[in-house]
Amino acid sequence: MAQQSIKVGDKPEVRYLLRVADSCLVLSQRLGEWCGHGPIIEEDLALTNMALDLIGQARGLLTRAGELDGQGFDEDQLAFLRDERQFFNPVLMELPNGRNGPGTPGDFAFTTARNFVVATWLSLLWQRLQASSDAEVAAIAGKAVKEARYQQQHAADWVIRLGDGTDDSKARMQAGLDKLWPYVNELFVDDAVDAQAVQSGLGPAWSELKADWQAAMDEVFAEAGLVTPKASPYVSTGRVGVHSEHLGHMLGEMQYLQRAYPGGVW
């Protein structure tokens, strides 16, 4: 018998933490698809290690969110037993890695562009969360910010290398940025959950991160010879549980074992 799904409550502090935790968890799954398929050995290992870092960050926040939710859910239950509408990551994280022909997990330029965009955002968010009124969240952020800064620098180096490389690498890097850019707006929208987090001291409103994030984008794009894509009015809705068609397929694969064999342990 398949494992039944679980639902978390409506506490704003739980929703706030799940938005960050799910961002890390879902992106880690996309990066994990590159394992064994990287363009060079070093980058294969780097992408896999970044996926593991993101999983570690997600685990910490999922555990804390489960404690605050008060229903007794642990990190594994929150990862493997929630349905699509119970995930609250921005849609940007769940987008496929792009397409680059058969036998590959995606387009390396698109993956690199997203890594740079998200790692910069996470670096700024973790930096602010170190001052969280929740001591456990602050402790998680203290470790995570170091990992995010490394990921940001690693991705920035590749953005510059590809943007300032051949005509082909430059065109592919620009195309990757153009493809993902409509989804970045969701990283900087606020609602009542953010307002409550600010009031309680749990964390910043996401909109507070935009100016520093944009400055980091502009600096690297200028060095890489890339053009900041035109702003879009579109705002995706993953933060409120309304996702693209891609997340359901990912969760079907990610959650299969726990759903098929409830409570299974190694």
Protein backbone atom coordinates (compact mmCIF):
# COMPACT_ATOMS: atom_id res chain seq x y z
CA MET A 1 0.00 0.00 0.00
CA ALA A 2 1.40 3.39 -0.97
CA GLN A 3 2.36 5.84 1.74
CA GLN A 4 -0.23 8.54 2.39
CA SER A 5 0.74 12.18 1.87
CA ILE A 6 1.20 14.61 4.74
CA LYS A 7 0.32 18.28 5.08
CA VAL A 8 1.99 20.94 7.16
CA GLY A 9 0.03 23.61 9.01
CA ASP A 10 -0.37 27.27 8.13
CA LYS A 11 2.05 28.76 10.66
CA PRO A 12 3.93 31.58 8.88
CA GLU A 13 7.26 30.64 10.48
CA VAL A 14 6.92 27.10 9.09
CA ARG A 15 6.03 28.38 5.64
CA TYR A 16 8.97 30.79 5.68
CA LEU A 17 11.46 28.04 6.50
CA LEU A 18 9.95 25.60 4.02
CA ARG A 19 10.32 28.13 1.21
CA VAL A 20 14.06 28.18 1.79
CA ALA A 21 14.41 24.48 2.56
CA ASP A 22 12.45 23.46 -0.53
CA SER A 23 14.52 25.81 -2.68
CA CYS A 24 17.66 23.99 -1.57
CA LEU A 25 16.15 20.51 -1.82
CA VAL A 26 14.64 20.91 -5.26
CA LEU A 27 17.71 22.57 -6.77
CA SER A 28 19.89 19.83 -5.29
CA GLN A 29 17.87 17.26 -7.23
CA ARG A 30 18.47 19.14 -10.48
CA LEU A 31 22.21 19.38 -9.80
CA GLY A 32 22.29 15.70 -8.89
CA GLU A 33 21.16 14.88 -12.42
CA TRP A 34 24.63 15.94 -13.58
CA CYS A 35 26.37 13.23 -11.54
CA GLY A 36 28.44 11.21 -13.98
CA HIS A 37 27.63 13.58 -16.86
CA GLY A 38 29.67 16.72 -16.17
CA PRO A 39 31.61 18.26 -19.07
CA ILE A 40 34.89 17.62 -17.23
CA ILE A 41 35.73 15.43 -14.24
CA GLU A 42 36.35 18.35 -11.87
CA GLU A 43 33.01 19.92 -12.72
CA ASP A 44 31.20 16.62 -12.40
CA LEU A 45 32.48 16.39 -8.82
CA ALA A 46 31.84 20.07 -8.12
CA LEU A 47 28.19 19.91 -9.18
CA THR A 48 27.65 16.77 -7.13
CA ASN A 49 29.25 18.34 -4.06
CA MET A 50 27.12 21.45 -4.46
CA ALA A 51 24.03 19.24 -4.59
CA LEU A 52 25.13 17.60 -1.33
CA ASP A 53 25.67 21.00 0.30
CA LEU A 54 22.16 22.04 -0.68
CA ILE A 55 20.71 18.81 0.70
CA GLY A 56 22.48 19.45 4.00
CA GLN A 57 21.02 22.95 4.17
CA ALA A 58 17.56 21.61 3.36
CA ARG A 59 17.83 18.93 6.04
CA GLY A 60 18.57 21.44 8.75
CA LEU A 61 15.66 23.69 7.87
CA LEU A 62 13.25 20.82 7.27
CA THR A 63 14.02 19.47 10.73
CA ARG A 64 13.42 22.87 12.31
CA ALA A 65 10.25 23.44 10.29
CA GLY A 66 8.93 20.07 11.46
CA GLU A 67 9.59 21.01 15.07
CA LEU A 68 7.79 24.34 14.71
CA ASP A 69 4.90 22.74 12.85
CA GLY A 70 4.27 20.50 15.85
CA GLN A 71 2.84 17.47 14.04
CA GLY A 72 5.88 15.29 14.61
CA PHE A 73 7.11 15.23 11.00
CA ASP A 74 10.83 14.68 10.53
CA GLU A 75 13.05 15.81 7.66
CA ASP A 76 12.50 12.64 5.63
CA GLN A 77 8.72 12.80 5.91
CA LEU A 78 8.73 16.44 4.85
CA ALA A 79 10.95 15.66 1.88
CA PHE A 80 9.31 12.47 0.68
CA LEU A 81 5.66 12.59 1.75
CA ARG A 82 4.45 16.05 0.79
CA ASP A 83 2.55 16.49 -2.47
CA GLU A 84 3.45 19.07 -5.09
CA ARG A 85 1.13 21.76 -3.69
CA GLN A 86 2.84 21.38 -0.31
CA PHE A 87 6.21 22.40 -1.73
CA PHE A 88 6.97 26.13 -1.59
CA ASN A 89 10.15 26.66 -3.61
CA PRO A 90 10.25 29.29 -6.36
CA VAL A 91 9.64 27.77 -9.78
CA LEU A 92 13.17 28.71 -10.88
CA MET A 93 14.60 25.86 -8.81
CA GLU A 94 12.50 23.15 -10.46
CA LEU A 95 13.06 24.05 -14.10
CA PRO A 96 14.82 21.29 -16.05
CA ASN A 97 18.52 21.79 -16.73
CA GLY A 98 17.83 22.72 -20.35
CA ARG A 99 18.44 20.62 -23.42
CA ASN A 100 21.75 19.86 -25.10
CA GLY A 101 21.13 16.77 -27.16
CA PRO A 102 20.42 13.13 -26.28
CA GLY A 103 22.33 11.45 -23.49
CA THR A 104 22.97 14.60 -21.46
CA PRO A 105 21.15 15.85 -18.33
CA GLY A 106 20.84 19.35 -19.74
CA ASP A 107 22.60 22.47 -20.91
CA PHE A 108 25.67 23.32 -18.86
CA ALA A 109 25.35 27.03 -19.64
CA PHE A 110 21.78 27.15 -18.30
CA THR A 111 22.80 25.17 -15.21
CA THR A 112 25.71 27.54 -14.60
CA ALA A 113 23.53 30.61 -15.03
CA ARG A 114 20.96 29.31 -12.56
CA ASN A 115 23.65 28.31 -10.08
CA PHE A 116 25.03 31.83 -10.15
CA VAL A 117 21.63 33.47 -9.77
CA VAL A 118 20.50 31.19 -6.94
CA ALA A 119 23.82 30.96 -5.08
CA THR A 120 24.06 34.75 -5.00
CA TRP A 121 20.52 34.94 -3.63
CA LEU A 122 21.14 32.20 -1.06
CA SER A 123 24.42 33.76 0.02
CA LEU A 124 22.64 37.02 0.82
CA LEU A 125 19.77 35.22 2.54
CA TRP A 126 21.99 33.01 4.69
CA GLN A 127 24.06 36.03 5.65
CA ARG A 128 20.93 37.73 7.01
CA LEU A 129 19.63 34.55 8.65
CA GLN A 130 22.75 34.38 10.82
CA ALA A 131 21.05 37.07 12.91
CA SER A 132 17.76 35.14 13.12
CA SER A 133 15.85 35.25 16.40
CA ASP A 134 15.63 31.46 16.10
CA ALA A 135 18.94 30.17 17.42
CA GLU A 136 18.76 26.94 15.42
CA VAL A 137 18.13 28.78 12.17
CA ALA A 138 21.01 31.13 12.92
CA ALA A 139 23.31 28.15 13.50
CA ILE A 140 22.26 26.52 10.23
CA ALA A 141 22.88 29.80 8.41
CA GLY A 142 26.35 30.16 9.93
CA LYS A 143 27.50 27.01 8.15
CA ALA A 144 25.38 27.41 5.03
CA VAL A 145 26.60 30.91 4.18
CA LYS A 146 30.14 29.60 3.68
CA GLU A 147 28.91 26.92 1.29
CA ALA A 148 26.74 29.40 -0.62
CA ARG A 149 29.63 31.83 -1.03
CA TYR A 150 31.80 29.09 -2.50
CA GLN A 151 29.01 28.08 -4.87
CA GLN A 152 28.50 31.70 -5.88
CA GLN A 153 32.19 32.20 -6.67
CA HIS A 154 32.42 28.90 -8.52
CA ALA A 155 29.41 29.73 -10.69
CA ALA A 156 30.59 33.31 -11.26
CA ASP A 157 33.94 32.04 -12.52
CA TRP A 158 32.15 29.84 -15.05
CA VAL A 159 29.81 32.63 -16.14
CA ILE A 160 32.83 34.80 -16.86
CA ARG A 161 34.75 31.98 -18.54
CA LEU A 162 31.87 31.13 -20.85
CA GLY A 163 30.74 34.70 -21.45
CA ASP A 164 34.25 35.87 -22.25
CA GLY A 165 35.13 32.74 -24.22
CA THR A 166 34.23 31.74 -27.75
CA ASP A 167 31.34 33.15 -29.74
CA ASP A 168 29.48 29.89 -29.15
CA SER A 169 30.03 29.79 -25.38
CA LYS A 170 29.03 33.44 -25.09
CA ALA A 171 25.84 32.88 -27.07
CA ARG A 172 24.92 29.84 -25.00
CA MET A 173 25.59 31.64 -21.73
CA GLN A 174 23.44 34.56 -22.81
CA ALA A 175 20.69 32.19 -23.95
CA GLY A 176 20.74 30.45 -20.56
CA LEU A 177 20.33 33.76 -18.75
CA ASP A 178 17.56 34.87 -21.08
CA LYS A 179 15.67 31.62 -20.51
CA LEU A 180 15.72 31.75 -16.72
CA TRP A 181 15.36 35.50 -16.23
CA PRO A 182 11.53 35.68 -16.22
CA TYR A 183 11.56 33.45 -13.14
CA VAL A 184 13.89 35.56 -10.97
CA ASN A 185 11.12 37.95 -9.91
CA GLU A 186 9.76 35.31 -7.54
CA LEU A 187 12.97 35.51 -5.52
CA PHE A 188 12.07 39.03 -4.44
CA VAL A 189 8.32 39.11 -3.78
CA ASP A 190 6.85 39.50 -0.30
CA ASP A 191 3.62 38.51 1.41
CA ALA A 192 2.24 38.11 4.93
CA VAL A 193 4.67 35.27 5.62
CA ASP A 194 7.62 37.59 5.01
CA ALA A 195 6.03 40.35 7.09
CA GLN A 196 5.65 37.98 10.03
CA ALA A 197 9.25 36.79 9.68
CA VAL A 198 10.48 40.38 9.79
CA GLN A 199 8.30 41.19 12.80
CA SER A 200 9.45 38.14 14.76
CA GLY A 201 13.09 38.50 13.70
CA LEU A 202 13.07 35.05 12.07
CA GLY A 203 14.47 36.38 8.81
CA PRO A 204 14.37 39.12 6.20
CA ALA A 205 11.71 39.82 3.63
CA TRP A 206 13.03 38.48 0.35
CA SER A 207 12.60 41.85 -1.34
CA GLU A 208 15.33 43.24 0.93
CA LEU A 209 17.90 41.14 -0.92
CA LYS A 210 17.25 42.47 -4.40
CA ALA A 211 19.53 45.52 -4.52
CA ASP A 212 22.64 43.61 -3.41
CA TRP A 213 21.74 40.68 -5.66
CA GLN A 214 21.35 42.94 -8.69
CA ALA A 215 24.67 44.63 -7.98
CA ALA A 216 26.39 41.23 -7.93
CA MET A 217 24.72 40.28 -11.21
CA ASP A 218 25.76 43.52 -12.91
CA GLU A 219 29.38 43.19 -11.79
CA VAL A 220 29.83 39.67 -13.13
CA PHE A 221 27.87 40.26 -16.33
CA ALA A 222 30.03 43.30 -17.12
CA GLU A 223 33.21 41.27 -16.68
CA ALA A 224 31.79 38.44 -18.76
CA GLY A 225 30.60 40.74 -21.55
CA LEU A 226 27.01 39.58 -21.08
CA VAL A 227 23.84 41.64 -21.21
CA THR A 228 21.42 41.69 -18.30
CA PRO A 229 18.19 40.28 -19.76
CA LYS A 230 15.22 42.57 -20.09
CA ALA A 231 12.99 42.68 -17.02
CA SER A 232 9.75 40.73 -17.23
CA PRO A 233 6.46 41.49 -15.43
CA TYR A 234 5.88 37.76 -14.95
CA VAL A 235 5.95 36.43 -11.38
CA SER A 236 5.85 32.67 -10.90
CA THR A 237 3.96 31.19 -7.96
CA GLY A 238 5.93 28.31 -6.48
CA ARG A 239 6.16 30.11 -3.12
CA VAL A 240 2.44 29.55 -2.66
CA GLY A 241 2.49 25.96 -3.91
CA VAL A 242 1.48 26.54 -7.53
CA HIS A 243 4.22 25.07 -9.68
CA SER A 244 5.22 24.31 -13.23
CA GLU A 245 4.53 20.92 -14.79
CA HIS A 246 8.11 19.92 -14.00
CA LEU A 247 7.96 19.58 -10.21
CA GLY A 248 5.43 16.75 -10.18
CA HIS A 249 7.64 14.64 -12.45
CA MET A 250 10.65 15.32 -10.24
CA LEU A 251 8.81 14.40 -7.07
CA GLY A 252 7.47 11.22 -8.65
CA GLU A 253 11.04 10.05 -9.12
CA MET A 254 12.46 11.49 -5.90
CA GLN A 255 9.73 10.13 -3.64
CA TYR A 256 9.14 6.76 -5.31
CA LEU A 257 11.04 4.52 -2.89
CA GLN A 258 9.50 5.93 0.29
CA ARG A 259 6.03 5.96 -1.23
CA ALA A 260 6.30 2.40 -2.52
CA TYR A 261 7.85 0.98 0.66
CA PRO A 262 6.44 3.04 3.56
CA GLY A 263 8.77 3.33 6.50
CA GLY A 264 11.53 1.44 4.73
CA VAL A 265 14.97 1.75 6.32
CA TRP A 266 18.42 0.64 5.23
